[in-house]
Protein backbone atom coordinates (compact mmCIF):
# COMPACT_ATOMS: atom_id res chain seq x y z
CA MET A 1 -0.10 -0.06 0.08
CA THR A 2 1.33 3.41 -0.86
CA GLN A 3 2.68 5.40 2.49
CA THR A 4 3.34 9.14 3.01
CA LEU A 5 6.41 10.68 1.36
CA ILE A 6 8.05 13.98 3.04
CA LEU A 7 11.10 15.50 0.87
CA HIS A 8 13.00 18.53 1.87
CA TRP A 9 15.59 20.77 0.09
CA ASN A 10 18.75 21.40 2.19
CA GLY A 11 20.21 23.69 -0.29
CA HIS A 12 22.38 20.86 -1.96
CA GLY A 13 19.92 18.35 -2.26
CA TRP A 14 16.40 16.41 -1.33
CA LYS A 15 16.20 14.68 1.51
CA ARG A 16 13.30 12.11 2.76
CA MET A 17 11.86 13.41 6.08
CA PRO A 18 10.37 11.15 8.17
CA SER A 19 6.45 10.98 7.95
CA PRO A 20 3.52 9.49 9.67
CA ASN A 21 1.61 6.77 8.17
CA PRO A 22 -1.50 6.88 10.49
CA ALA A 23 -3.66 4.50 9.03
CA GLY A 24 -0.69 2.01 9.10
CA SER A 25 2.02 0.73 6.65
CA ALA A 26 -0.53 -1.92 5.64
CA HIS A 27 -3.13 0.44 4.55
CA GLY A 28 -3.01 3.52 1.93
CA ASN A 29 -1.26 7.02 2.92
CA SER A 30 -1.31 9.83 0.55
CA LEU A 31 -0.23 13.26 0.37
CA LEU A 32 -1.32 15.39 -2.07
CA ALA A 33 -0.47 19.20 -1.25
CA VAL A 34 2.11 21.04 1.19
CA ALA A 35 1.78 24.84 2.06
CA ALA A 36 4.21 26.73 4.70
CA ASP A 37 4.37 29.82 6.25
CA SER A 38 7.31 29.56 7.82
CA ALA A 39 10.48 27.75 8.60
CA SER A 40 8.93 26.06 11.55
CA SER A 41 5.32 25.88 10.35
CA ALA A 42 3.76 24.01 7.30
CA TRP A 43 1.17 21.35 6.58
CA ALA A 44 0.64 18.58 4.39
CA VAL A 45 -2.84 17.09 3.45
CA GLY A 46 -4.45 14.13 1.47
CA LEU A 47 -5.97 11.09 2.32
CA GLN A 48 -5.60 8.13 4.94
CA PHE A 49 -7.51 4.61 4.27
CA LYS A 50 -9.26 4.21 7.58
CA ASN A 51 -11.97 1.75 8.81
CA GLY A 52 -12.58 0.92 4.91
CA VAL A 53 -13.06 4.05 3.87
CA TRP A 54 -10.98 6.87 2.45
CA GLN A 55 -10.71 9.71 4.76
CA SER A 56 -9.17 13.13 4.79
CA LEU A 57 -5.21 13.28 6.25
CA ILE A 58 -3.34 16.52 7.69
CA GLU A 59 0.13 16.53 8.93
CA ARG A 60 1.99 19.21 10.38
CA TRP A 61 5.39 20.43 10.90
CA ASN A 62 6.26 21.86 13.66
CA GLY A 63 9.86 22.75 12.52
CA THR A 64 11.52 19.66 14.28
CA SER A 65 8.94 16.73 12.62
CA TRP A 66 6.06 16.10 11.01
CA LYS A 67 3.08 15.02 13.18
CA ASN A 68 -0.50 13.71 12.46
CA VAL A 69 -3.56 16.65 13.37
CA ARG A 70 -7.01 15.45 13.69
CA ALA A 71 -8.89 16.24 10.27
CA PRO A 72 -12.81 17.36 10.87
CA GLY A 73 -14.10 15.96 7.87
CA PRO A 74 -17.93 14.97 7.37
CA GLY A 75 -17.70 11.85 9.67
CA PRO A 76 -15.70 8.46 10.14
CA SER A 77 -17.64 6.58 7.52
CA THR A 78 -18.02 9.54 4.98
CA PRO A 79 -15.15 9.19 2.14
CA SER A 80 -12.99 12.41 2.38
CA GLN A 81 -9.79 13.64 0.43
CA LEU A 82 -8.09 16.95 0.78
CA ASN A 83 -6.46 18.01 -2.56
CA SER A 84 -5.01 21.46 -1.63
CA VAL A 85 -3.70 23.41 1.49
CA THR A 86 -2.80 27.12 1.75
CA ALA A 87 -1.09 28.71 4.89
CA ILE A 88 -1.25 32.35 5.61
CA SER A 89 0.26 32.34 9.21
CA ALA A 90 0.73 29.78 11.73
CA ARG A 91 -3.43 30.90 12.65
CA ASP A 92 -4.69 30.58 9.71
CA ALA A 93 -4.31 27.75 7.10
CA TRP A 94 -7.10 26.58 5.08
CA ALA A 95 -7.33 23.25 2.81
CA VAL A 96 -10.02 21.87 0.46
CA GLY A 97 -11.01 18.53 -1.43
CA SER A 98 -14.51 16.38 -1.57
CA TYR A 99 -16.48 13.90 0.50
CA GLY A 100 -18.77 11.62 -0.62
CA ASN A 101 -22.29 11.05 0.21
CA SER A 102 -25.94 9.95 -0.92
CA GLY A 103 -24.11 8.88 -4.16
CA ALA A 104 -22.92 12.77 -4.52
CA ARG A 105 -19.64 14.32 -4.17
CA HIS A 106 -19.39 17.94 -2.32
CA THR A 107 -17.04 20.26 -1.97
CA LEU A 108 -14.75 20.55 1.58
CA ILE A 109 -13.33 23.66 3.04
CA GLU A 110 -11.41 23.15 6.43
CA HIS A 111 -9.91 25.86 8.40
CA TRP A 112 -7.01 25.87 10.94
CA ASN A 113 -7.78 28.99 13.16
CA GLY A 114 -4.12 28.43 15.40
CA LYS A 115 -5.76 25.66 17.56
CA ALA A 116 -8.00 23.11 15.62
CA TRP A 117 -8.91 22.44 12.26
CA HIS A 118 -12.54 23.03 11.54
CA ARG A 119 -15.03 22.16 8.69
CA MET A 120 -16.63 25.30 6.87
CA PRO A 121 -19.78 26.07 4.95
CA SER A 122 -18.84 25.44 0.99
CA PRO A 123 -20.76 25.88 -2.21
CA SER A 124 -21.32 22.85 -3.69
CA PRO A 125 -23.26 23.05 -7.16
CA GLY A 126 -24.27 19.68 -8.96
CA VAL A 127 -24.44 16.39 -8.33
CA GLU A 128 -20.40 16.07 -8.52
CA ALA A 129 -18.23 18.43 -7.21
CA SER A 130 -14.87 18.97 -5.74
CA LEU A 131 -12.01 21.52 -4.66
CA PHE A 132 -8.21 21.09 -6.25
CA GLY A 133 -6.52 24.40 -5.57
CA ALA A 134 -6.51 26.70 -2.67
CA ALA A 135 -4.00 30.29 -2.66
CA SER A 136 -4.06 33.44 -0.27
CA SER A 137 -3.39 36.76 -0.40
CA GLY A 138 -3.35 37.13 3.34
CA THR A 139 -6.53 38.91 3.02
CA SER A 140 -8.28 36.19 1.23
CA VAL A 141 -8.55 32.69 0.20
CA TRP A 142 -9.55 31.46 -3.49
CA SER A 143 -10.59 28.14 -4.06
CA VAL A 144 -11.16 26.06 -7.21
CA GLY A 145 -12.69 23.04 -8.62
CA SER A 146 -15.23 22.00 -10.97
CA PHE A 147 -18.76 20.26 -11.27
CA THR A 148 -21.31 18.61 -13.21
CA SER A 149 -24.98 18.33 -12.61
CA GLY A 150 -24.56 15.07 -15.17
CA GLY A 151 -24.23 17.41 -18.20
CA PRO A 152 -20.67 18.73 -19.35
CA VAL A 153 -18.02 19.79 -16.36
CA GLN A 154 -18.15 23.13 -15.38
CA THR A 155 -15.51 25.51 -13.62
CA LEU A 156 -15.97 26.51 -10.09
CA ALA A 157 -14.28 29.20 -7.93
CA VAL A 158 -14.59 30.19 -4.43
CA HIS A 159 -13.47 33.39 -2.46
CA CYS A 160 -13.81 34.06 0.84
CA CYS A 161 -12.97 36.27 3.44
């Protein structure tokens, strides 16, 4: 099965960093995006196969090591994943992705407030919607993705704060 992989550029070459595999080595763990707001604060997001379901995965760099952080997600039996993360400061980060529910796929936005991740309300048009990228200017956050209602796939842009 897949395991997390984090590489760090030390100025001369890439070095593999130890990273948690919370679902265990016999299960799947994948990191899909990383963002840092300083040398001692970074986030990596993706998905893990836990309790028979793909669930959101969040890991944090504290300047010394990577640690698993609880992802609020939609619930332990609902499939979810985080595709992108943007870090504004040690007290402000955003992660985006999607979750499945009743045969549909919905957008997923989570926010770090300096103490914990919280699931935020997000628009989810159509029957299949997902967010794939997140960016911040420091005063506003953008996310992009796609959605469909059974017809052609359409672009989706979300702006917050």
